Amino acid sequence: MSRTIRSCRATTHSDLATLKKPQITTYYCWKHKKICKPLFSIKEWFDRYAVDTVYRIKTFAKLKTSSHYVVLPVDSRTVDIFKEVEKRNKKFHDILKKQKINGIFTSPPYVGQIDYHEQHAYAYDLFGFKRRDELEIGPLYKGQGAEARASYVEGISKVLLNCRKFLTDDFNVFIVANDKYNLYPAIAEQAGMKIVNQFKRPVLNRTERDKSPYSEIIFHLKNGK
């Protein structure tokens, strides 16, 4: 249902990430260079996604192993990972306590670039989820000035400092970031980590009108102590 609502929002094809105003009539589409119109029924997309979801569930049932996983809707700056996992999967908790976690692969928000709560407002409205805009790291409304960048460095550093309590000594952390302000060396230092490698990742396909390619960096961090 969430996937259907996302595809059927009343917006233009060139305004999928940062919605500005409802589009309820036909319009000239800058992305497709033709006249497009908004969807007036969700049935076609709901049917398509329903069939696709059943296919994915059946495929996953054939491929899944005995591996454990847990989804934790929490603040990563303060969460006690082991405690939260124990509430949901005692067997997995026992494994984690014994072995700890080998690493992290994440793509955190980019400073002052996207309002993620607003981008997914349809899901909050649909399911009645409580919004926590004030907890978002690097939100769009704070901009990209010196104060916003300092707040971002502090926020991401707190996440890494908290998470390293649950990592093995020889952990590997991979962070995908568009670090145009060169903030991650300071973040790594504050978190007691060191950047051991960087991999450039070209971003070539965009969902909106802006097709300008740019590069992201995958930072590989390890224990700095």
N, C-alpha and C. Protein backbone atom coordinates (compact mmCIF):
# COMPACT_ATOMS: atom_id res chain seq x y z
N MET A 1 0.83 -1.21 0.00
CA MET A 1 0.00 0.00 0.00
C MET A 1 0.86 1.26 0.00
N SER A 2 1.93 1.26 0.81
CA SER A 2 2.81 2.42 0.87
C SER A 2 3.47 2.67 -0.48
N ARG A 3 3.90 1.59 -1.11
CA ARG A 3 4.55 1.71 -2.43
C ARG A 3 3.57 2.28 -3.46
N THR A 4 2.32 1.86 -3.38
CA THR A 4 1.30 2.37 -4.30
C THR A 4 1.08 3.86 -4.10
N ILE A 5 0.92 4.27 -2.85
CA ILE A 5 0.69 5.68 -2.56
C ILE A 5 1.85 6.54 -3.04
N ARG A 6 3.09 6.03 -2.85
CA ARG A 6 4.26 6.78 -3.29
C ARG A 6 4.22 7.02 -4.80
N SER A 7 3.80 6.02 -5.57
CA SER A 7 3.78 6.13 -7.02
C SER A 7 2.60 6.96 -7.52
N CYS A 8 1.58 7.11 -6.69
CA CYS A 8 0.37 7.79 -7.14
C CYS A 8 0.18 9.18 -6.53
N ARG A 9 1.23 9.70 -5.92
CA ARG A 9 1.12 11.04 -5.34
C ARG A 9 0.82 12.09 -6.41
N ALA A 10 0.10 13.12 -6.03
CA ALA A 10 -0.27 14.20 -6.96
C ALA A 10 0.90 15.17 -7.10
N THR A 11 1.90 14.75 -7.87
CA THR A 11 3.06 15.60 -8.11
C THR A 11 3.59 15.35 -9.52
N THR A 12 4.45 16.22 -9.99
CA THR A 12 5.03 16.04 -11.32
C THR A 12 6.17 15.04 -11.27
N HIS A 13 6.51 14.49 -12.43
CA HIS A 13 7.59 13.51 -12.51
C HIS A 13 8.96 14.11 -12.20
N SER A 14 9.07 15.43 -12.32
CA SER A 14 10.35 16.08 -12.04
C SER A 14 10.43 16.60 -10.61
N ASP A 15 9.44 16.24 -9.79
CA ASP A 15 9.39 16.76 -8.42
C ASP A 15 9.04 15.63 -7.45
N LEU A 16 9.75 14.49 -7.58
CA LEU A 16 9.43 13.31 -6.77
C LEU A 16 10.06 13.34 -5.39
N ALA A 17 11.20 14.01 -5.25
CA ALA A 17 11.93 13.96 -3.99
C ALA A 17 11.61 15.13 -3.07
N THR A 18 11.39 16.30 -3.65
CA THR A 18 11.13 17.49 -2.84
C THR A 18 9.82 18.14 -3.30
N LEU A 19 8.71 17.51 -2.95
CA LEU A 19 7.41 17.96 -3.42
C LEU A 19 7.12 19.39 -2.98
N LYS A 20 6.66 20.19 -3.92
CA LYS A 20 6.41 21.61 -3.65
C LYS A 20 4.93 21.95 -3.61
N LYS A 21 4.15 21.42 -4.57
CA LYS A 21 2.72 21.71 -4.58
C LYS A 21 1.99 20.57 -5.32
N PRO A 22 0.72 20.36 -5.00
CA PRO A 22 -0.04 19.28 -5.65
C PRO A 22 -0.21 19.55 -7.15
N GLN A 23 -0.17 18.51 -7.95
CA GLN A 23 -0.40 18.62 -9.39
C GLN A 23 -1.62 17.77 -9.71
N ILE A 24 -2.72 18.41 -10.05
CA ILE A 24 -3.97 17.69 -10.26
C ILE A 24 -4.52 17.84 -11.68
N THR A 25 -3.75 18.50 -12.56
CA THR A 25 -4.17 18.64 -13.96
C THR A 25 -3.02 18.22 -14.86
N THR A 26 -3.28 18.08 -16.15
CA THR A 26 -2.22 17.77 -17.10
C THR A 26 -1.19 18.88 -17.09
N TYR A 27 0.05 18.56 -17.45
CA TYR A 27 1.13 19.54 -17.39
C TYR A 27 2.23 19.15 -18.36
N TYR A 28 3.05 20.14 -18.72
CA TYR A 28 4.22 19.84 -19.55
C TYR A 28 5.30 19.28 -18.64
N CYS A 29 5.76 18.08 -18.94
CA CYS A 29 6.71 17.38 -18.09
C CYS A 29 8.15 17.66 -18.54
N TRP A 30 8.92 18.33 -17.68
CA TRP A 30 10.31 18.66 -18.01
C TRP A 30 11.19 17.42 -18.07
N LYS A 31 10.78 16.38 -17.35
CA LYS A 31 11.57 15.15 -17.35
C LYS A 31 11.40 14.35 -18.63
N HIS A 32 10.14 14.23 -19.09
CA HIS A 32 9.86 13.41 -20.26
C HIS A 32 9.69 14.22 -21.55
N LYS A 33 9.74 15.54 -21.42
CA LYS A 33 9.62 16.43 -22.59
C LYS A 33 8.32 16.21 -23.36
N LYS A 34 7.23 16.05 -22.61
CA LYS A 34 5.92 15.87 -23.24
C LYS A 34 4.84 16.23 -22.22
N ILE A 35 3.58 16.20 -22.67
CA ILE A 35 2.46 16.46 -21.78
C ILE A 35 2.17 15.19 -20.97
N CYS A 36 2.21 15.31 -19.64
CA CYS A 36 1.89 14.20 -18.76
C CYS A 36 0.68 14.56 -17.90
N LYS A 37 0.11 13.56 -17.27
CA LYS A 37 -1.04 13.83 -16.40
C LYS A 37 -0.90 13.03 -15.12
N PRO A 38 -1.44 13.55 -14.02
CA PRO A 38 -1.38 12.80 -12.76
C PRO A 38 -2.30 11.59 -12.82
N LEU A 39 -2.07 10.62 -11.93
CA LEU A 39 -2.92 9.44 -11.87
C LEU A 39 -4.21 9.77 -11.14
N PHE A 40 -5.32 9.26 -11.66
CA PHE A 40 -6.62 9.50 -11.03
C PHE A 40 -7.20 8.24 -10.41
N SER A 41 -6.42 7.14 -10.47
CA SER A 41 -6.84 5.89 -9.84
C SER A 41 -5.59 5.14 -9.40
N ILE A 42 -5.66 4.51 -8.23
CA ILE A 42 -4.51 3.75 -7.75
C ILE A 42 -4.60 2.27 -8.12
N LYS A 43 -5.73 1.84 -8.72
CA LYS A 43 -5.99 0.42 -8.92
C LYS A 43 -4.90 -0.27 -9.74
N GLU A 44 -4.50 0.32 -10.86
CA GLU A 44 -3.50 -0.33 -11.73
C GLU A 44 -2.19 -0.55 -10.99
N TRP A 45 -1.73 0.47 -10.26
CA TRP A 45 -0.46 0.35 -9.54
C TRP A 45 -0.59 -0.58 -8.34
N PHE A 46 -1.74 -0.55 -7.66
CA PHE A 46 -1.94 -1.45 -6.52
C PHE A 46 -1.91 -2.90 -6.98
N ASP A 47 -2.58 -3.19 -8.09
CA ASP A 47 -2.59 -4.55 -8.63
C ASP A 47 -1.19 -4.99 -9.02
N ARG A 48 -0.47 -4.10 -9.67
CA ARG A 48 0.90 -4.43 -10.11
C ARG A 48 1.81 -4.71 -8.92
N TYR A 49 1.74 -3.86 -7.91
CA TYR A 49 2.61 -4.03 -6.75
C TYR A 49 2.19 -5.24 -5.90
N ALA A 50 0.89 -5.53 -5.87
CA ALA A 50 0.42 -6.69 -5.11
C ALA A 50 0.98 -7.98 -5.71
N VAL A 51 0.91 -8.10 -7.02
CA VAL A 51 1.46 -9.28 -7.70
C VAL A 51 2.97 -9.36 -7.49
N ASP A 52 3.64 -8.23 -7.59
CA ASP A 52 5.09 -8.20 -7.40
C ASP A 52 5.48 -8.57 -5.97
N THR A 53 4.69 -8.12 -5.01
CA THR A 53 4.97 -8.44 -3.61
C THR A 53 4.85 -9.94 -3.35
N VAL A 54 3.81 -10.56 -3.89
CA VAL A 54 3.64 -12.01 -3.74
C VAL A 54 4.83 -12.74 -4.36
N TYR A 55 5.27 -12.29 -5.52
CA TYR A 55 6.43 -12.90 -6.19
C TYR A 55 7.67 -12.78 -5.31
N ARG A 56 7.89 -11.61 -4.73
CA ARG A 56 9.07 -11.40 -3.89
C ARG A 56 9.03 -12.29 -2.64
N ILE A 57 7.85 -12.41 -2.03
CA ILE A 57 7.72 -13.24 -0.83
C ILE A 57 8.02 -14.70 -1.16
N LYS A 58 7.49 -15.18 -2.28
CA LYS A 58 7.74 -16.57 -2.68
C LYS A 58 9.21 -16.80 -2.99
N THR A 59 9.83 -15.84 -3.68
CA THR A 59 11.26 -15.97 -4.01
C THR A 59 12.11 -15.96 -2.75
N PHE A 60 11.78 -15.04 -1.83
CA PHE A 60 12.54 -14.96 -0.58
C PHE A 60 12.41 -16.25 0.24
N ALA A 61 11.22 -16.84 0.22
CA ALA A 61 10.99 -18.08 0.97
C ALA A 61 11.91 -19.19 0.47
N LYS A 62 12.24 -19.17 -0.82
CA LYS A 62 13.12 -20.19 -1.38
C LYS A 62 14.59 -19.90 -1.07
N LEU A 63 14.93 -18.64 -0.93
CA LEU A 63 16.34 -18.25 -0.78
C LEU A 63 16.77 -18.05 0.66
N LYS A 64 15.84 -17.81 1.55
CA LYS A 64 16.21 -17.44 2.92
C LYS A 64 16.94 -18.57 3.63
N THR A 65 17.82 -18.19 4.51
CA THR A 65 18.60 -19.14 5.30
C THR A 65 18.20 -19.03 6.76
N SER A 66 18.98 -19.62 7.62
CA SER A 66 18.68 -19.55 9.05
C SER A 66 19.28 -18.31 9.71
N SER A 67 19.78 -17.38 8.91
CA SER A 67 20.36 -16.15 9.45
C SER A 67 19.30 -15.34 10.21
N HIS A 68 19.77 -14.61 11.22
CA HIS A 68 18.87 -13.77 12.01
C HIS A 68 18.95 -12.32 11.55
N TYR A 69 17.88 -11.59 11.72
CA TYR A 69 17.89 -10.15 11.46
C TYR A 69 16.85 -9.49 12.35
N VAL A 70 17.06 -8.22 12.62
CA VAL A 70 16.11 -7.45 13.43
C VAL A 70 16.07 -6.03 12.90
N VAL A 71 14.89 -5.47 12.81
CA VAL A 71 14.72 -4.06 12.44
C VAL A 71 14.45 -3.27 13.72
N LEU A 72 15.27 -2.25 13.97
CA LEU A 72 15.13 -1.46 15.19
C LEU A 72 14.77 -0.01 14.85
N PRO A 73 13.53 0.39 15.03
CA PRO A 73 13.13 1.79 14.78
C PRO A 73 13.48 2.66 15.98
N VAL A 74 14.76 3.02 16.09
CA VAL A 74 15.27 3.70 17.28
C VAL A 74 16.23 4.81 16.87
N ASP A 75 16.68 5.58 17.85
CA ASP A 75 17.68 6.63 17.63
C ASP A 75 19.06 5.99 17.74
N SER A 76 19.79 5.94 16.65
CA SER A 76 21.09 5.25 16.63
C SER A 76 22.16 5.95 17.45
N ARG A 77 21.87 7.18 17.91
CA ARG A 77 22.83 7.88 18.76
C ARG A 77 22.82 7.39 20.19
N THR A 78 21.71 6.75 20.59
CA THR A 78 21.55 6.39 21.99
C THR A 78 21.13 4.94 22.22
N VAL A 79 20.75 4.22 21.18
CA VAL A 79 20.18 2.88 21.34
C VAL A 79 21.18 1.90 21.95
N ASP A 80 20.67 1.04 22.83
CA ASP A 80 21.42 -0.12 23.30
C ASP A 80 21.01 -1.27 22.38
N ILE A 81 21.84 -1.54 21.39
CA ILE A 81 21.48 -2.51 20.35
C ILE A 81 21.19 -3.89 20.94
N PHE A 82 22.06 -4.36 21.82
CA PHE A 82 21.88 -5.69 22.38
C PHE A 82 20.57 -5.80 23.17
N LYS A 83 20.27 -4.77 23.93
CA LYS A 83 19.04 -4.76 24.74
C LYS A 83 17.80 -4.79 23.86
N GLU A 84 17.82 -3.99 22.78
CA GLU A 84 16.67 -3.93 21.88
C GLU A 84 16.50 -5.24 21.11
N VAL A 85 17.61 -5.85 20.71
CA VAL A 85 17.54 -7.13 20.00
C VAL A 85 16.99 -8.21 20.92
N GLU A 86 17.39 -8.17 22.19
CA GLU A 86 16.93 -9.17 23.15
C GLU A 86 15.41 -9.16 23.28
N LYS A 87 14.80 -7.99 23.16
CA LYS A 87 13.34 -7.88 23.25
C LYS A 87 12.65 -8.60 22.09
N ARG A 88 13.35 -8.70 20.96
CA ARG A 88 12.72 -9.20 19.75
C ARG A 88 13.16 -10.61 19.36
N ASN A 89 14.41 -10.97 19.70
CA ASN A 89 14.96 -12.26 19.27
C ASN A 89 16.04 -12.68 20.24
N LYS A 90 15.67 -13.48 21.23
CA LYS A 90 16.60 -13.86 22.30
C LYS A 90 17.78 -14.66 21.75
N LYS A 91 17.52 -15.54 20.81
CA LYS A 91 18.61 -16.36 20.24
C LYS A 91 19.62 -15.48 19.53
N PHE A 92 19.14 -14.53 18.76
CA PHE A 92 20.03 -13.60 18.05
C PHE A 92 20.82 -12.76 19.05
N HIS A 93 20.17 -12.35 20.12
CA HIS A 93 20.83 -11.56 21.16
C HIS A 93 22.00 -12.32 21.76
N ASP A 94 21.81 -13.60 22.03
CA ASP A 94 22.87 -14.42 22.62
C ASP A 94 24.07 -14.53 21.69
N ILE A 95 23.80 -14.63 20.39
CA ILE A 95 24.89 -14.69 19.40
C ILE A 95 25.65 -13.38 19.37
N LEU A 96 24.92 -12.26 19.36
CA LEU A 96 25.55 -10.94 19.31
C LEU A 96 26.40 -10.67 20.55
N LYS A 97 25.87 -11.03 21.71
CA LYS A 97 26.62 -10.80 22.95
C LYS A 97 27.94 -11.57 22.95
N LYS A 98 27.92 -12.74 22.35
CA LYS A 98 29.11 -13.58 22.32
C LYS A 98 30.10 -13.13 21.25
N GLN A 99 29.60 -12.79 20.08
CA GLN A 99 30.48 -12.51 18.93
C GLN A 99 30.65 -11.02 18.65
N LYS A 100 29.68 -10.22 19.10
CA LYS A 100 29.60 -8.79 18.76
C LYS A 100 29.39 -8.60 17.27
N ILE A 101 29.38 -7.36 16.83
CA ILE A 101 29.03 -7.04 15.43
C ILE A 101 30.30 -6.73 14.64
N ASN A 102 30.40 -7.28 13.44
CA ASN A 102 31.61 -7.12 12.64
C ASN A 102 31.71 -5.77 11.95
N GLY A 103 30.58 -5.16 11.67
CA GLY A 103 30.70 -3.90 10.94
C GLY A 103 29.36 -3.25 10.61
N ILE A 104 29.46 -2.15 9.91
CA ILE A 104 28.29 -1.34 9.53
C ILE A 104 28.44 -0.95 8.06
N PHE A 105 27.34 -0.99 7.33
CA PHE A 105 27.29 -0.42 5.98
C PHE A 105 26.07 0.50 5.96
N THR A 106 26.30 1.80 5.75
CA THR A 106 25.21 2.75 5.85
C THR A 106 25.37 3.93 4.89
N SER A 107 24.26 4.55 4.56
CA SER A 107 24.27 5.79 3.80
C SER A 107 23.42 6.80 4.57
N PRO A 108 24.04 7.56 5.46
CA PRO A 108 23.28 8.50 6.29
C PRO A 108 22.81 9.70 5.47
N PRO A 109 21.96 10.55 6.04
CA PRO A 109 21.51 11.75 5.33
C PRO A 109 22.71 12.64 4.98
N TYR A 110 22.58 13.39 3.89
CA TYR A 110 23.59 14.38 3.52
C TYR A 110 23.17 15.71 4.13
N VAL A 111 24.13 16.48 4.57
CA VAL A 111 23.83 17.68 5.32
C VAL A 111 22.98 18.67 4.51
N GLY A 112 21.82 19.03 5.06
CA GLY A 112 20.96 20.05 4.48
C GLY A 112 20.50 19.82 3.07
N GLN A 113 20.30 18.56 2.67
CA GLN A 113 19.98 18.29 1.26
C GLN A 113 18.54 17.83 1.05
N ILE A 114 18.01 17.00 1.96
CA ILE A 114 16.67 16.45 1.79
C ILE A 114 15.92 16.50 3.11
N ASP A 115 14.64 16.84 3.04
CA ASP A 115 13.76 16.75 4.20
C ASP A 115 13.10 15.37 4.14
N TYR A 116 13.70 14.41 4.80
CA TYR A 116 13.24 13.02 4.68
C TYR A 116 11.84 12.82 5.27
N HIS A 117 11.52 13.51 6.36
CA HIS A 117 10.19 13.37 6.93
C HIS A 117 9.13 13.86 5.96
N GLU A 118 9.39 14.99 5.33
CA GLU A 118 8.41 15.54 4.39
C GLU A 118 8.34 14.69 3.13
N GLN A 119 9.47 14.16 2.69
CA GLN A 119 9.49 13.32 1.50
C GLN A 119 8.63 12.08 1.68
N HIS A 120 8.58 11.57 2.90
CA HIS A 120 7.80 10.36 3.18
C HIS A 120 6.55 10.67 4.01
N ALA A 121 6.06 11.90 3.89
CA ALA A 121 4.88 12.30 4.65
C ALA A 121 3.68 11.41 4.35
N TYR A 122 3.59 10.92 3.11
CA TYR A 122 2.47 10.06 2.72
C TYR A 122 2.41 8.80 3.59
N ALA A 123 3.58 8.26 3.96
CA ALA A 123 3.62 7.05 4.79
C ALA A 123 3.21 7.36 6.23
N TYR A 124 3.66 8.50 6.74
CA TYR A 124 3.26 8.91 8.10
C TYR A 124 1.73 9.07 8.16
N ASP A 125 1.17 9.70 7.14
CA ASP A 125 -0.27 9.91 7.12
C ASP A 125 -1.02 8.59 6.94
N LEU A 126 -0.53 7.73 6.07
CA LEU A 126 -1.21 6.48 5.75
C LEU A 126 -1.26 5.54 6.94
N PHE A 127 -0.14 5.41 7.64
CA PHE A 127 -0.05 4.43 8.73
C PHE A 127 -0.17 5.05 10.13
N GLY A 128 -0.27 6.36 10.19
CA GLY A 128 -0.40 7.00 11.49
C GLY A 128 0.87 6.99 12.31
N PHE A 129 2.03 6.93 11.63
CA PHE A 129 3.31 6.95 12.35
C PHE A 129 3.56 8.33 12.95
N LYS A 130 4.20 8.35 14.11
CA LYS A 130 4.56 9.62 14.73
C LYS A 130 5.80 10.19 14.06
N ARG A 131 5.72 11.43 13.66
CA ARG A 131 6.88 12.08 13.04
C ARG A 131 7.87 12.53 14.12
N ARG A 132 9.15 12.43 13.81
CA ARG A 132 10.19 12.83 14.75
C ARG A 132 11.20 13.74 14.03
N ASP A 133 10.67 14.78 13.40
CA ASP A 133 11.50 15.69 12.62
C ASP A 133 12.67 16.25 13.41
N GLU A 134 12.44 16.51 14.70
CA GLU A 134 13.48 17.15 15.51
C GLU A 134 14.68 16.24 15.75
N LEU A 135 14.54 14.94 15.51
CA LEU A 135 15.64 14.00 15.73
C LEU A 135 16.45 13.73 14.46
N GLU A 136 15.99 14.26 13.33
CA GLU A 136 16.67 14.00 12.06
C GLU A 136 18.05 14.66 12.03
N ILE A 137 19.04 13.92 11.57
CA ILE A 137 20.41 14.45 11.45
C ILE A 137 20.57 15.10 10.08
N GLY A 138 21.07 16.33 10.05
CA GLY A 138 21.30 17.03 8.79
C GLY A 138 20.06 17.37 8.00
N PRO A 139 18.97 17.80 8.64
CA PRO A 139 17.73 18.07 7.90
C PRO A 139 17.85 19.28 6.98
N LEU A 140 16.97 19.32 6.00
CA LEU A 140 16.98 20.38 5.01
C LEU A 140 16.76 21.75 5.65
N TYR A 141 15.87 21.84 6.64
CA TYR A 141 15.50 23.15 7.20
C TYR A 141 16.65 23.82 7.93
N LYS A 142 17.69 23.07 8.33
CA LYS A 142 18.84 23.67 8.98
C LYS A 142 19.85 24.23 7.99
N GLY A 143 19.65 23.94 6.70
CA GLY A 143 20.55 24.45 5.68
C GLY A 143 21.90 23.75 5.66
N GLN A 144 22.90 24.44 5.05
CA GLN A 144 24.22 23.86 4.92
C GLN A 144 25.31 24.80 5.42
N GLY A 145 24.92 25.76 6.26
CA GLY A 145 25.88 26.71 6.81
C GLY A 145 26.80 26.09 7.83
N ALA A 146 27.67 26.91 8.40
CA ALA A 146 28.67 26.43 9.35
C ALA A 146 28.03 25.76 10.56
N GLU A 147 26.94 26.36 11.08
CA GLU A 147 26.26 25.79 12.25
C GLU A 147 25.64 24.45 11.92
N ALA A 148 25.02 24.36 10.74
CA ALA A 148 24.39 23.10 10.32
C ALA A 148 25.44 22.01 10.11
N ARG A 149 26.58 22.38 9.53
CA ARG A 149 27.64 21.39 9.30
C ARG A 149 28.21 20.90 10.63
N ALA A 150 28.38 21.81 11.59
CA ALA A 150 28.90 21.41 12.90
C ALA A 150 27.92 20.47 13.60
N SER A 151 26.62 20.76 13.49
CA SER A 151 25.59 19.91 14.08
C SER A 151 25.59 18.53 13.43
N TYR A 152 25.82 18.51 12.13
CA TYR A 152 25.87 17.24 11.38
C TYR A 152 27.04 16.39 11.84
N VAL A 153 28.20 17.01 11.95
CA VAL A 153 29.39 16.29 12.41
C VAL A 153 29.16 15.70 13.79
N GLU A 154 28.55 16.49 14.67
CA GLU A 154 28.27 16.02 16.03
C GLU A 154 27.29 14.84 16.00
N GLY A 155 26.26 14.94 15.17
CA GLY A 155 25.23 13.89 15.11
C GLY A 155 25.78 12.58 14.59
N ILE A 156 26.49 12.60 13.48
CA ILE A 156 27.03 11.37 12.91
C ILE A 156 28.10 10.78 13.82
N SER A 157 28.89 11.64 14.44
CA SER A 157 29.93 11.17 15.38
C SER A 157 29.29 10.44 16.56
N LYS A 158 28.18 10.97 17.07
CA LYS A 158 27.49 10.33 18.18
C LYS A 158 26.96 8.95 17.79
N VAL A 159 26.49 8.83 16.56
CA VAL A 159 26.02 7.53 16.07
C VAL A 159 27.16 6.51 16.08
N LEU A 160 28.30 6.91 15.52
CA LEU A 160 29.44 5.99 15.44
C LEU A 160 29.99 5.66 16.83
N LEU A 161 30.06 6.66 17.70
CA LEU A 161 30.55 6.42 19.05
C LEU A 161 29.65 5.45 19.80
N ASN A 162 28.35 5.60 19.62
CA ASN A 162 27.42 4.69 20.29
C ASN A 162 27.51 3.28 19.71
N CYS A 163 27.57 3.19 18.39
CA CYS A 163 27.56 1.88 17.74
C CYS A 163 28.84 1.10 17.98
N ARG A 164 29.96 1.78 18.12
CA ARG A 164 31.22 1.05 18.28
C ARG A 164 31.27 0.27 19.59
N LYS A 165 30.38 0.61 20.53
CA LYS A 165 30.31 -0.15 21.79
C LYS A 165 29.87 -1.59 21.53
N PHE A 166 29.23 -1.83 20.39
CA PHE A 166 28.69 -3.15 20.09
C PHE A 166 29.49 -3.85 18.97
N LEU A 167 30.58 -3.22 18.53
CA LEU A 167 31.39 -3.76 17.44
C LEU A 167 32.59 -4.54 17.97
N THR A 168 33.09 -5.46 17.16
CA THR A 168 34.34 -6.14 17.47
C THR A 168 35.48 -5.13 17.38
N ASP A 169 36.64 -5.47 17.91
CA ASP A 169 37.79 -4.56 17.86
C ASP A 169 38.26 -4.32 16.43
N ASP A 170 38.15 -5.34 15.60
CA ASP A 170 38.63 -5.24 14.21
C ASP A 170 37.46 -4.99 13.26
N PHE A 171 36.62 -4.04 13.62
CA PHE A 171 35.41 -3.78 12.83
C PHE A 171 35.73 -3.07 11.51
N ASN A 172 34.76 -3.13 10.60
CA ASN A 172 34.81 -2.39 9.34
C ASN A 172 33.51 -1.59 9.21
N VAL A 173 33.65 -0.30 8.98
CA VAL A 173 32.49 0.57 8.78
C VAL A 173 32.58 1.19 7.40
N PHE A 174 31.51 1.06 6.62
CA PHE A 174 31.46 1.65 5.28
C PHE A 174 30.34 2.67 5.25
N ILE A 175 30.68 3.90 4.88
CA ILE A 175 29.70 4.99 4.87
C ILE A 175 29.66 5.62 3.48
N VAL A 176 28.48 5.61 2.85
CA VAL A 176 28.29 6.24 1.55
C VAL A 176 27.88 7.69 1.77
N ALA A 177 28.66 8.63 1.25
CA ALA A 177 28.37 10.04 1.53
C ALA A 177 28.75 10.94 0.36
N ASN A 178 27.95 11.97 0.15
CA ASN A 178 28.29 13.03 -0.79
C ASN A 178 28.94 14.13 0.04
N ASP A 179 30.23 13.95 0.33
CA ASP A 179 30.90 14.78 1.34
C ASP A 179 31.55 16.02 0.71
N LYS A 180 30.72 16.90 0.14
CA LYS A 180 31.28 18.07 -0.55
C LYS A 180 31.91 19.07 0.41
N TYR A 181 31.60 18.97 1.70
CA TYR A 181 32.19 19.88 2.68
C TYR A 181 33.35 19.23 3.45
N ASN A 182 33.74 18.03 3.03
CA ASN A 182 34.88 17.33 3.65
C ASN A 182 34.71 17.22 5.17
N LEU A 183 33.56 16.70 5.58
CA LEU A 183 33.24 16.58 7.00
C LEU A 183 33.67 15.25 7.60
N TYR A 184 33.83 14.24 6.78
CA TYR A 184 34.04 12.90 7.33
C TYR A 184 35.41 12.66 7.97
N PRO A 185 36.46 13.35 7.57
CA PRO A 185 37.70 13.21 8.35
C PRO A 185 37.52 13.64 9.80
N ALA A 186 36.77 14.73 10.03
CA ALA A 186 36.51 15.19 11.40
C ALA A 186 35.58 14.23 12.13
N ILE A 187 34.61 13.69 11.41
CA ILE A 187 33.68 12.73 12.01
C ILE A 187 34.43 11.48 12.46
N ALA A 188 35.31 10.97 11.60
CA ALA A 188 36.09 9.78 11.93
C ALA A 188 36.95 10.03 13.17
N GLU A 189 37.57 11.20 13.21
CA GLU A 189 38.44 11.53 14.35
C GLU A 189 37.65 11.60 15.64
N GLN A 190 36.49 12.26 15.61
CA GLN A 190 35.67 12.39 16.82
C GLN A 190 35.15 11.03 17.29
N ALA A 191 34.96 10.11 16.35
CA ALA A 191 34.43 8.79 16.69
C ALA A 191 35.53 7.80 17.07
N GLY A 192 36.78 8.26 17.07
CA GLY A 192 37.89 7.37 17.40
C GLY A 192 38.16 6.35 16.32
N MET A 193 37.88 6.73 15.07
CA MET A 193 38.09 5.84 13.94
C MET A 193 39.06 6.49 12.96
N LYS A 194 39.51 5.72 12.00
CA LYS A 194 40.38 6.25 10.97
C LYS A 194 39.88 5.80 9.59
N ILE A 195 40.00 6.70 8.62
CA ILE A 195 39.62 6.38 7.24
C ILE A 195 40.78 5.64 6.59
N VAL A 196 40.58 4.39 6.23
CA VAL A 196 41.65 3.59 5.65
C VAL A 196 41.55 3.50 4.14
N ASN A 197 40.39 3.85 3.58
CA ASN A 197 40.24 3.80 2.14
C ASN A 197 39.02 4.60 1.72
N GLN A 198 39.02 5.03 0.47
CA GLN A 198 37.88 5.75 -0.09
C GLN A 198 37.62 5.23 -1.50
N PHE A 199 36.35 4.99 -1.79
CA PHE A 199 35.96 4.49 -3.10
C PHE A 199 34.96 5.46 -3.72
N LYS A 200 35.23 5.95 -4.92
CA LYS A 200 34.30 6.86 -5.58
C LYS A 200 33.20 6.07 -6.27
N ARG A 201 31.99 6.55 -6.08
CA ARG A 201 30.81 5.89 -6.65
C ARG A 201 30.05 6.90 -7.50
N PRO A 202 30.09 6.77 -8.84
CA PRO A 202 29.37 7.72 -9.68
C PRO A 202 27.86 7.53 -9.58
N VAL A 203 27.13 8.62 -9.47
CA VAL A 203 25.67 8.59 -9.44
C VAL A 203 25.19 9.09 -10.79
N LEU A 204 24.69 8.19 -11.62
CA LEU A 204 24.38 8.52 -13.00
C LEU A 204 22.88 8.62 -13.27
N ASN A 205 22.06 7.87 -12.54
CA ASN A 205 20.62 7.83 -12.80
C ASN A 205 19.86 8.57 -11.70
N ARG A 206 19.17 9.62 -12.06
CA ARG A 206 18.42 10.41 -11.10
C ARG A 206 16.93 10.24 -11.37
N THR A 207 16.12 10.35 -10.34
CA THR A 207 14.68 10.18 -10.51
C THR A 207 14.00 11.47 -10.99
N GLU A 208 14.70 12.59 -10.85
CA GLU A 208 14.07 13.86 -11.20
C GLU A 208 14.62 14.44 -12.50
N ARG A 209 14.31 15.69 -12.71
CA ARG A 209 14.73 16.36 -13.93
C ARG A 209 16.23 16.52 -14.01
N ASP A 210 16.88 16.78 -12.86
CA ASP A 210 18.32 17.03 -12.83
C ASP A 210 19.08 15.76 -13.13
N LYS A 211 19.71 15.69 -14.28
CA LYS A 211 20.44 14.49 -14.70
C LYS A 211 21.94 14.68 -14.54
N SER A 212 22.38 15.76 -13.92
CA SER A 212 23.80 16.02 -13.77
C SER A 212 24.44 14.94 -12.90
N PRO A 213 25.41 14.20 -13.45
CA PRO A 213 26.06 13.16 -12.65
C PRO A 213 26.97 13.76 -11.59
N TYR A 214 27.10 13.08 -10.49
CA TYR A 214 28.05 13.49 -9.46
C TYR A 214 28.59 12.23 -8.80
N SER A 215 29.59 12.39 -7.99
CA SER A 215 30.21 11.23 -7.35
C SER A 215 29.96 11.24 -5.84
N GLU A 216 29.67 10.08 -5.32
CA GLU A 216 29.63 9.88 -3.88
C GLU A 216 30.91 9.15 -3.49
N ILE A 217 31.23 9.18 -2.21
CA ILE A 217 32.41 8.47 -1.74
C ILE A 217 31.96 7.43 -0.72
N ILE A 218 32.49 6.23 -0.85
CA ILE A 218 32.28 5.20 0.17
C ILE A 218 33.52 5.22 1.06
N PHE A 219 33.34 5.70 2.28
CA PHE A 219 34.45 5.77 3.24
C PHE A 219 34.55 4.42 3.98
N HIS A 220 35.75 3.88 4.03
CA HIS A 220 36.02 2.66 4.79
C HIS A 220 36.74 3.07 6.07
N LEU A 221 36.09 2.86 7.21
CA LEU A 221 36.65 3.26 8.51
C LEU A 221 36.97 2.02 9.35
N LYS A 222 38.03 2.12 10.12
CA LYS A 222 38.37 1.07 11.06
C LYS A 222 38.71 1.70 12.41
N ASN A 223 38.98 0.86 13.39
CA ASN A 223 39.30 1.32 14.73
C ASN A 223 40.54 2.18 14.69
N GLY A 224 40.45 3.40 15.25
CA GLY A 224 41.59 4.32 15.23
C GLY A 224 42.44 4.25 16.46
N LYS A 225 42.11 3.32 17.37
CA LYS A 225 42.86 3.23 18.62
C LYS A 225 43.59 1.90 18.74
